[in-house]
Amino acid sequence: RASALAAMALALGACDAGRDPLGPSTGTEAPDAARGGNG
């Protein structure tokens, strides 16, 4: 039960603050849905 709960905690909740694993987002075009239009 302990290992199952540990796996769930890792998968379901975000971890501590850290850098974007793909690198800085500066200069990267935002996803289509994030560029606006109809809220």
Full PDB file with SEQRES, HELIX, SHEET, SSBOND, CRYST1, ORIGX, SCALE, CONECT and MASTER records, all heavy atoms in Angstrom:
SEQRES   1 A   39  ARG ALA SER ALA LEU ALA ALA MET ALA LEU ALA LEU GLY          
SEQRES   2 A   39  ALA CYS ASP ALA GLY ARG ASP PRO LEU GLY PRO SER THR          
SEQRES   3 A   39  GLY THR GLU ALA PRO ASP ALA ALA ARG GLY GLY ASN GLY          
HELIX    1 AA1 ALA A    2  LEU A   12  1                                  11    
HELIX    2 AA2 ASP A   32  ARG A   35  5                                   4    
CRYST1    1.000    1.000    1.000  90.00  90.00  90.00 P 1           1          
ORIGX1      1.000000  0.000000  0.000000        0.00000                         
ORIGX2      0.000000  1.000000  0.000000        0.00000                         
ORIGX3      0.000000  0.000000  1.000000        0.00000                         
SCALE1      1.000000  0.000000  0.000000        0.00000                         
SCALE2      0.000000  1.000000  0.000000        0.00000                         
SCALE3      0.000000  0.000000  1.000000        0.00000                         
ATOM      1  N   ARG A   1       0.829  -1.199   0.000  1.00  0.00           N  
ATOM      2  CA  ARG A   1       0.000   0.000   0.000  1.00  0.00           C  
ATOM      3  C   ARG A   1       0.865   1.250   0.000  1.00  0.00           C  
ATOM      4  O   ARG A   1       0.564   2.214  -0.685  1.00  0.00           O  
ATOM      5  CB  ARG A   1      -0.894  -0.027   1.240  1.00  0.00           C  
ATOM      6  CG  ARG A   1      -1.792   1.185   1.365  1.00  0.00           C  
ATOM      7  CD  ARG A   1      -2.781   0.941   2.464  1.00  0.00           C  
ATOM      8  NE  ARG A   1      -3.566   2.134   2.725  1.00  0.00           N  
ATOM      9  CZ  ARG A   1      -4.608   2.146   3.522  1.00  0.00           C  
ATOM     10  NH1 ARG A   1      -5.013   1.054   4.107  1.00  0.00           N  
ATOM     11  NH2 ARG A   1      -5.282   3.265   3.731  1.00  0.00           N  
ATOM     12  N   ALA A   2       1.973   1.215   0.717  1.00  0.00           N  
ATOM     13  CA  ALA A   2       2.835   2.397   0.787  1.00  0.00           C  
ATOM     14  C   ALA A   2       3.420   2.733  -0.572  1.00  0.00           C  
ATOM     15  O   ALA A   2       3.441   3.886  -0.985  1.00  0.00           O  
ATOM     16  CB  ALA A   2       3.962   2.164   1.794  1.00  0.00           C  
ATOM     17  N   SER A   3       3.889   1.712  -1.312  1.00  0.00           N  
ATOM     18  CA  SER A   3       4.478   1.999  -2.630  1.00  0.00           C  
ATOM     19  C   SER A   3       3.417   2.463  -3.605  1.00  0.00           C  
ATOM     20  O   SER A   3       3.680   3.311  -4.461  1.00  0.00           O  
ATOM     21  CB  SER A   3       5.186   0.750  -3.173  1.00  0.00           C  
ATOM     22  OG  SER A   3       4.268  -0.301  -3.368  1.00  0.00           O  
ATOM     23  N   ALA A   4       2.209   1.921  -3.506  1.00  0.00           N  
ATOM     24  CA  ALA A   4       1.130   2.360  -4.395  1.00  0.00           C  
ATOM     25  C   ALA A   4       0.789   3.810  -4.138  1.00  0.00           C  
ATOM     26  O   ALA A   4       0.603   4.593  -5.070  1.00  0.00           O  
ATOM     27  CB  ALA A   4      -0.103   1.484  -4.191  1.00  0.00           C  
ATOM     28  N   LEU A   5       0.719   4.188  -2.857  1.00  0.00           N  
ATOM     29  CA  LEU A   5       0.390   5.567  -2.526  1.00  0.00           C  
ATOM     30  C   LEU A   5       1.504   6.516  -2.954  1.00  0.00           C  
ATOM     31  O   LEU A   5       1.236   7.628  -3.410  1.00  0.00           O  
ATOM     32  CB  LEU A   5       0.143   5.705  -1.025  1.00  0.00           C  
ATOM     33  CG  LEU A   5      -1.082   4.973  -0.488  1.00  0.00           C  
ATOM     34  CD1 LEU A   5      -1.223   5.232   1.003  1.00  0.00           C  
ATOM     35  CD2 LEU A   5      -2.334   5.408  -1.211  1.00  0.00           C  
ATOM     36  N   ALA A   6       2.741   6.076  -2.815  1.00  0.00           N  
ATOM     37  CA  ALA A   6       3.851   6.922  -3.238  1.00  0.00           C  
ATOM     38  C   ALA A   6       3.799   7.168  -4.734  1.00  0.00           C  
ATOM     39  O   ALA A   6       4.046   8.283  -5.208  1.00  0.00           O  
ATOM     40  CB  ALA A   6       5.181   6.258  -2.863  1.00  0.00           C  
ATOM     41  N   ALA A   7       3.470   6.121  -5.512  1.00  0.00           N  
ATOM     42  CA  ALA A   7       3.360   6.287  -6.958  1.00  0.00           C  
ATOM     43  C   ALA A   7       2.243   7.233  -7.319  1.00  0.00           C  
ATOM     44  O   ALA A   7       2.368   8.069  -8.210  1.00  0.00           O  
ATOM     45  CB  ALA A   7       3.135   4.929  -7.627  1.00  0.00           C  
ATOM     46  N   MET A   8       1.113   7.117  -6.624  1.00  0.00           N  
ATOM     47  CA  MET A   8      -0.011   8.009  -6.882  1.00  0.00           C  
ATOM     48  C   MET A   8       0.351   9.454  -6.568  1.00  0.00           C  
ATOM     49  O   MET A   8       0.004  10.377  -7.300  1.00  0.00           O  
ATOM     50  CB  MET A   8      -1.223   7.601  -6.051  1.00  0.00           C  
ATOM     51  CG  MET A   8      -1.893   6.344  -6.544  1.00  0.00           C  
ATOM     52  SD  MET A   8      -2.539   6.585  -8.210  1.00  0.00           S  
ATOM     53  CE  MET A   8      -3.123   4.941  -8.537  1.00  0.00           C  
ATOM     54  N   ALA A   9       1.045   9.653  -5.438  1.00  0.00           N  
ATOM     55  CA  ALA A   9       1.411  11.018  -5.053  1.00  0.00           C  
ATOM     56  C   ALA A   9       2.309  11.651  -6.099  1.00  0.00           C  
ATOM     57  O   ALA A   9       2.168  12.835  -6.421  1.00  0.00           O  
ATOM     58  CB  ALA A   9       2.101  11.007  -3.691  1.00  0.00           C  
ATOM     59  N   LEU A  10       3.240  10.876  -6.661  1.00  0.00           N  
ATOM     60  CA  LEU A  10       4.139  11.417  -7.670  1.00  0.00           C  
ATOM     61  C   LEU A  10       3.385  11.750  -8.944  1.00  0.00           C  
ATOM     62  O   LEU A  10       3.604  12.789  -9.570  1.00  0.00           O  
ATOM     63  CB  LEU A  10       5.248  10.407  -7.975  1.00  0.00           C  
ATOM     64  CG  LEU A  10       6.226  10.792  -9.088  1.00  0.00           C  
ATOM     65  CD1 LEU A  10       6.953  12.063  -8.727  1.00  0.00           C  
ATOM     66  CD2 LEU A  10       7.187   9.664  -9.360  1.00  0.00           C  
ATOM     67  N   ALA A  11       2.456  10.887  -9.345  1.00  0.00           N  
ATOM     68  CA  ALA A  11       1.772  11.076 -10.618  1.00  0.00           C  
ATOM     69  C   ALA A  11       0.697  12.148 -10.558  1.00  0.00           C  
ATOM     70  O   ALA A  11       0.498  12.890 -11.510  1.00  0.00           O  
ATOM     71  CB  ALA A  11       1.138   9.759 -11.065  1.00  0.00           C  
ATOM     72  N   LEU A  12      -0.025  12.236  -9.441  1.00  0.00           N  
ATOM     73  CA  LEU A  12      -1.190  13.116  -9.367  1.00  0.00           C  
ATOM     74  C   LEU A  12      -0.869  14.531  -8.940  1.00  0.00           C  
ATOM     75  O   LEU A  12      -1.546  15.470  -9.346  1.00  0.00           O  
ATOM     76  CB  LEU A  12      -2.214  12.537  -8.396  1.00  0.00           C  
ATOM     77  CG  LEU A  12      -3.020  11.358  -8.910  1.00  0.00           C  
ATOM     78  CD1 LEU A  12      -3.868  10.800  -7.783  1.00  0.00           C  
ATOM     79  CD2 LEU A  12      -3.875  11.769 -10.070  1.00  0.00           C  
ATOM     80  N   GLY A  13       0.118  14.718  -8.086  1.00  0.00           N  
ATOM     81  CA  GLY A  13       0.426  16.057  -7.583  1.00  0.00           C  
ATOM     82  C   GLY A  13       1.715  16.565  -8.173  1.00  0.00           C  
ATOM     83  O   GLY A  13       2.628  15.802  -8.469  1.00  0.00           O  
ATOM     84  N   ALA A  14       1.797  17.856  -8.368  1.00  0.00           N  
ATOM     85  CA  ALA A  14       3.027  18.439  -8.890  1.00  0.00           C  
ATOM     86  C   ALA A  14       4.121  18.371  -7.844  1.00  0.00           C  
ATOM     87  O   ALA A  14       3.869  18.388  -6.652  1.00  0.00           O  
ATOM     88  CB  ALA A  14       2.786  19.889  -9.292  1.00  0.00           C  
ATOM     89  N   CYS A  15       5.350  18.312  -8.311  1.00  0.00           N  
ATOM     90  CA  CYS A  15       6.491  18.254  -7.401  1.00  0.00           C  
ATOM     91  C   CYS A  15       6.897  19.659  -6.994  1.00  0.00           C  
ATOM     92  O   CYS A  15       6.291  20.638  -7.367  1.00  0.00           O  
ATOM     93  CB  CYS A  15       7.654  17.540  -8.081  1.00  0.00           C  
ATOM     94  SG  CYS A  15       7.255  15.842  -8.572  1.00  0.00           S  
ATOM     95  N   ASP A  16       7.982  19.755  -6.233  1.00  0.00           N  
ATOM     96  CA  ASP A  16       8.478  21.051  -5.792  1.00  0.00           C  
ATOM     97  C   ASP A  16       8.868  21.913  -6.983  1.00  0.00           C  
ATOM     98  O   ASP A  16       9.099  21.430  -8.087  1.00  0.00           O  
ATOM     99  CB  ASP A  16       9.704  20.878  -4.882  1.00  0.00           C  
ATOM    100  CG  ASP A  16       9.308  20.349  -3.526  1.00  0.00           C  
ATOM    101  OD1 ASP A  16       8.227  20.700  -3.054  1.00  0.00           O  
ATOM    102  OD2 ASP A  16      10.098  19.576  -2.959  1.00  0.00           O  
ATOM    103  N   ALA A  17       8.997  23.218  -6.712  1.00  0.00           N  
ATOM    104  CA  ALA A  17       9.325  24.169  -7.773  1.00  0.00           C  
ATOM    105  C   ALA A  17      10.641  23.791  -8.431  1.00  0.00           C  
ATOM    106  O   ALA A  17      11.577  23.327  -7.806  1.00  0.00           O  
ATOM    107  CB  ALA A  17       9.415  25.575  -7.203  1.00  0.00           C  
ATOM    108  N   GLY A  18      10.717  24.008  -9.735  1.00  0.00           N  
ATOM    109  CA  GLY A  18      11.926  23.701 -10.473  1.00  0.00           C  
ATOM    110  C   GLY A  18      11.827  24.272 -11.856  1.00  0.00           C  
ATOM    111  O   GLY A  18      10.811  24.818 -12.259  1.00  0.00           O  
ATOM    112  N   ARG A  19      12.879  24.131 -12.636  1.00  0.00           N  
ATOM    113  CA  ARG A  19      12.889  24.676 -13.979  1.00  0.00           C  
ATOM    114  C   ARG A  19      12.036  23.840 -14.909  1.00  0.00           C  
ATOM    115  O   ARG A  19      11.851  22.653 -14.719  1.00  0.00           O  
ATOM    116  CB  ARG A  19      14.325  24.722 -14.499  1.00  0.00           C  
ATOM    117  CG  ARG A  19      15.201  25.725 -13.764  1.00  0.00           C  
ATOM    118  CD  ARG A  19      16.566  25.793 -14.415  1.00  0.00           C  
ATOM    119  NE  ARG A  19      17.407  26.791 -13.787  1.00  0.00           N  
ATOM    120  CZ  ARG A  19      18.642  27.052 -14.197  1.00  0.00           C  
ATOM    121  NH1 ARG A  19      19.164  26.391 -15.210  1.00  0.00           N  
ATOM    122  NH2 ARG A  19      19.360  27.978 -13.578  1.00  0.00           N  
ATOM    123  N   ASP A  20      11.566  24.485 -15.950  1.00  0.00           N  
ATOM    124  CA  ASP A  20      10.858  23.791 -17.017  1.00  0.00           C  
ATOM    125  C   ASP A  20      11.798  22.741 -17.594  1.00  0.00           C  
ATOM    126  O   ASP A  20      12.891  23.057 -18.051  1.00  0.00           O  
ATOM    127  CB  ASP A  20      10.455  24.814 -18.088  1.00  0.00           C  
ATOM    128  CG  ASP A  20       9.869  24.180 -19.325  1.00  0.00           C  
ATOM    129  OD1 ASP A  20       9.639  22.962 -19.318  1.00  0.00           O  
ATOM    130  OD2 ASP A  20       9.646  24.928 -20.294  1.00  0.00           O  
ATOM    131  N   PRO A  21      11.418  21.437 -17.597  1.00  0.00           N  
ATOM    132  CA  PRO A  21      12.342  20.395 -18.056  1.00  0.00           C  
ATOM    133  C   PRO A  21      12.685  20.508 -19.534  1.00  0.00           C  
ATOM    134  O   PRO A  21      13.661  19.919 -19.979  1.00  0.00           O  
ATOM    135  CB  PRO A  21      11.575  19.097 -17.772  1.00  0.00           C  
ATOM    136  CG  PRO A  21      10.150  19.508 -17.669  1.00  0.00           C  
ATOM    137  CD  PRO A  21      10.168  20.887 -17.094  1.00  0.00           C  
ATOM    138  N   LEU A  22      11.908  21.257 -20.313  1.00  0.00           N  
ATOM    139  CA  LEU A  22      12.250  21.453 -21.718  1.00  0.00           C  
ATOM    140  C   LEU A  22      13.036  22.728 -21.952  1.00  0.00           C  
ATOM    141  O   LEU A  22      13.343  23.070 -23.081  1.00  0.00           O  
ATOM    142  CB  LEU A  22      10.972  21.475 -22.567  1.00  0.00           C  
ATOM    143  CG  LEU A  22      10.263  20.140 -22.716  1.00  0.00           C  
ATOM    144  CD1 LEU A  22       9.078  20.287 -23.662  1.00  0.00           C  
ATOM    145  CD2 LEU A  22      11.195  19.056 -23.222  1.00  0.00           C  
ATOM    146  N   GLY A  23      13.335  23.458 -20.876  1.00  0.00           N  
ATOM    147  CA  GLY A  23      14.104  24.678 -21.014  1.00  0.00           C  
ATOM    148  C   GLY A  23      13.238  25.914 -20.906  1.00  0.00           C  
ATOM    149  O   GLY A  23      12.026  25.844 -20.756  1.00  0.00           O  
ATOM    150  N   PRO A  24      13.849  27.093 -20.976  1.00  0.00           N  
ATOM    151  CA  PRO A  24      13.113  28.349 -20.836  1.00  0.00           C  
ATOM    152  C   PRO A  24      12.040  28.495 -21.905  1.00  0.00           C  
ATOM    153  O   PRO A  24      12.221  28.052 -23.038  1.00  0.00           O  
ATOM    154  CB  PRO A  24      14.203  29.417 -20.991  1.00  0.00           C  
ATOM    155  CG  PRO A  24      15.484  28.708 -20.714  1.00  0.00           C  
ATOM    156  CD  PRO A  24      15.283  27.301 -21.185  1.00  0.00           C  
ATOM    157  N   SER A  25      10.924  29.127 -21.520  1.00  0.00           N  
ATOM    158  CA  SER A  25       9.843  29.323 -22.480  1.00  0.00           C  
ATOM    159  C   SER A  25       9.945  30.661 -23.199  1.00  0.00           C  
ATOM    160  O   SER A  25       9.151  30.944 -24.084  1.00  0.00           O  
ATOM    161  CB  SER A  25       8.490  29.251 -21.756  1.00  0.00           C  
ATOM    162  OG  SER A  25       8.435  30.218 -20.725  1.00  0.00           O  
ATOM    163  N   THR A  26      10.920  31.487 -22.826  1.00  0.00           N  
ATOM    164  CA  THR A  26      11.088  32.791 -23.468  1.00  0.00           C  
ATOM    165  C   THR A  26      11.330  32.616 -24.961  1.00  0.00           C  
ATOM    166  O   THR A  26      12.174  31.832 -25.381  1.00  0.00           O  
ATOM    167  CB  THR A  26      12.287  33.537 -22.852  1.00  0.00           C  
ATOM    168  OG1 THR A  26      12.074  33.661 -21.462  1.00  0.00           O  
ATOM    169  CG2 THR A  26      12.440  34.905 -23.487  1.00  0.00           C  
ATOM    170  N   GLY A  27      10.525  33.340 -25.751  1.00  0.00           N  
ATOM    171  CA  GLY A  27      10.676  33.269 -27.196  1.00  0.00           C  
ATOM    172  C   GLY A  27       9.926  32.116 -27.816  1.00  0.00           C  
ATOM    173  O   GLY A  27       9.934  31.958 -29.033  1.00  0.00           O  
ATOM    174  N   THR A  28       9.276  31.282 -27.003  1.00  0.00           N  
ATOM    175  CA  THR A  28       8.508  30.163 -27.525  1.00  0.00           C  
ATOM    176  C   THR A  28       7.077  30.595 -27.749  1.00  0.00           C  
ATOM    177  O   THR A  28       6.454  31.186 -26.881  1.00  0.00           O  
ATOM    178  CB  THR A  28       8.536  28.984 -26.535  1.00  0.00           C  
ATOM    179  OG1 THR A  28       9.889  28.602 -26.343  1.00  0.00           O  
ATOM    180  CG2 THR A  28       7.754  27.798 -27.075  1.00  0.00           C  
ATOM    181  N   GLU A  29       6.529  30.288 -28.904  1.00  0.00           N  
ATOM    182  CA  GLU A  29       5.157  30.656 -29.207  1.00  0.00           C  
ATOM    183  C   GLU A  29       4.213  29.903 -28.295  1.00  0.00           C  
ATOM    184  O   GLU A  29       4.362  28.698 -28.084  1.00  0.00           O  
ATOM    185  CB  GLU A  29       4.837  30.326 -30.668  1.00  0.00           C  
ATOM    186  CG  GLU A  29       3.459  30.794 -31.094  1.00  0.00           C  
ATOM    187  CD  GLU A  29       3.180  30.470 -32.542  1.00  0.00           C  
ATOM    188  OE1 GLU A  29       3.827  29.564 -33.077  1.00  0.00           O  
ATOM    189  OE2 GLU A  29       2.313  31.123 -33.125  1.00  0.00           O  
ATOM    190  N   ALA A  30       3.232  30.617 -27.737  1.00  0.00           N  
ATOM    191  CA  ALA A  30       2.277  29.979 -26.841  1.00  0.00           C  
ATOM    192  C   ALA A  30       1.393  29.023 -27.617  1.00  0.00           C  
ATOM    193  O   ALA A  30       1.190  29.169 -28.808  1.00  0.00           O  
ATOM    194  CB  ALA A  30       1.416  31.040 -26.160  1.00  0.00           C  
ATOM    195  N   PRO A  31       0.850  27.987 -26.934  1.00  0.00           N  
ATOM    196  CA  PRO A  31      -0.074  27.080 -27.596  1.00  0.00           C  
ATOM    197  C   PRO A  31      -1.251  27.849 -28.182  1.00  0.00           C  
ATOM    198  O   PRO A  31      -1.625  28.921 -27.702  1.00  0.00           O  
ATOM    199  CB  PRO A  31      -0.512  26.153 -26.461  1.00  0.00           C  
ATOM    200  CG  PRO A  31       0.568  26.234 -25.448  1.00  0.00           C  
ATOM    201  CD  PRO A  31       1.095  27.637 -25.548  1.00  0.00           C  
ATOM    202  N   ASP A  32      -1.892  27.283 -29.219  1.00  0.00           N  
ATOM    203  CA  ASP A  32      -3.010  27.943 -29.886  1.00  0.00           C  
ATOM    204  C   ASP A  32      -4.068  28.391 -28.897  1.00  0.00           C  
ATOM    205  O   ASP A  32      -4.572  29.505 -28.964  1.00  0.00           O  
ATOM    206  CB  ASP A  32      -3.649  26.995 -30.904  1.00  0.00           C  
ATOM    207  CG  ASP A  32      -2.693  26.661 -32.029  1.00  0.00           C  
ATOM    208  OD1 ASP A  32      -1.721  27.411 -32.216  1.00  0.00           O  
ATOM    209  OD2 ASP A  32      -2.920  25.643 -32.707  1.00  0.00           O  
ATOM    210  N   ALA A  33      -4.457  27.496 -27.964  1.00  0.00           N  
ATOM    211  CA  ALA A  33      -5.516  27.820 -27.026  1.00  0.00           C  
ATOM    212  C   ALA A  33      -5.112  28.932 -26.084  1.00  0.00           C  
ATOM    213  O   ALA A  33      -5.954  29.600 -25.509  1.00  0.00           O  
ATOM    214  CB  ALA A  33      -5.900  26.579 -26.229  1.00  0.00           C  
ATOM    215  N   ALA A  34      -3.804  29.124 -25.902  1.00  0.00           N  
ATOM    216  CA  ALA A  34      -3.338  30.113 -24.940  1.00  0.00           C  
ATOM    217  C   ALA A  34      -3.129  31.488 -25.564  1.00  0.00           C  
ATOM    218  O   ALA A  34      -2.810  32.434 -24.868  1.00  0.00           O  
ATOM    219  CB  ALA A  34      -2.026  29.644 -24.321  1.00  0.00           C  
ATOM    220  N   ARG A  35      -3.316  31.603 -26.875  1.00  0.00           N  
ATOM    221  CA  ARG A  35      -3.065  32.877 -27.522  1.00  0.00           C  
ATOM    222  C   ARG A  35      -4.267  33.800 -27.495  1.00  0.00           C  
ATOM    223  O   ARG A  35      -4.239  34.879 -28.057  1.00  0.00           O  
ATOM    224  CB  ARG A  35      -2.622  32.635 -28.968  1.00  0.00           C  
ATOM    225  CG  ARG A  35      -1.227  32.042 -29.060  1.00  0.00           C  
ATOM    226  CD  ARG A  35      -0.618  32.338 -30.428  1.00  0.00           C  
ATOM    227  NE  ARG A  35      -1.346  31.681 -31.499  1.00  0.00           N  
ATOM    228  CZ  ARG A  35      -0.997  30.521 -32.009  1.00  0.00           C  
ATOM    229  NH1 ARG A  35       0.017  29.860 -31.512  1.00  0.00           N  
ATOM    230  NH2 ARG A  35      -1.674  30.000 -33.013  1.00  0.00           N  
ATOM    231  N   GLY A  36      -5.332  33.335 -26.857  1.00  0.00           N  
ATOM    232  CA  GLY A  36      -6.464  34.234 -26.692  1.00  0.00           C  
ATOM    233  C   GLY A  36      -7.594  33.873 -27.626  1.00  0.00           C  
ATOM    234  O   GLY A  36      -7.634  32.832 -28.257  1.00  0.00           O  
ATOM    235  N   GLY A  37      -8.586  34.779 -27.673  1.00  0.00           N  
ATOM    236  CA  GLY A  37      -9.765  34.527 -28.473  1.00  0.00           C  
ATOM    237  C   GLY A  37     -10.795  33.810 -27.649  1.00  0.00           C  
ATOM    238  O   GLY A  37     -10.579  32.692 -27.218  1.00  0.00           O  
ATOM    239  N   ASN A  38     -11.912  34.437 -27.403  1.00  0.00           N  
ATOM    240  CA  ASN A  38     -13.004  33.821 -26.663  1.00  0.00           C  
ATOM    241  C   ASN A  38     -12.567  33.340 -25.296  1.00  0.00           C  
ATOM    242  O   ASN A  38     -12.920  32.252 -24.845  1.00  0.00           O  
ATOM    243  CB  ASN A  38     -13.608  32.661 -27.468  1.00  0.00           C  
ATOM    244  CG  ASN A  38     -14.984  32.272 -26.955  1.00  0.00           C  
ATOM    245  OD1 ASN A  38     -15.653  33.073 -26.297  1.00  0.00           O  
ATOM    246  ND2 ASN A  38     -15.409  31.057 -27.240  1.00  0.00           N  
ATOM    247  N   GLY A  39     -11.742  34.155 -24.629  1.00  0.00           N  
ATOM    248  CA  GLY A  39     -11.337  33.835 -23.261  1.00  0.00           C  
ATOM    249  C   GLY A  39     -10.482  32.608 -23.138  1.00  0.00           C  
ATOM    250  O   GLY A  39     -10.439  31.957 -22.108  1.00  0.00           O  
TER     251      GLY A  39                                                      
MASTER        0    0    0    2    0    0    0    6  250    1    0    3          
END                                                                             
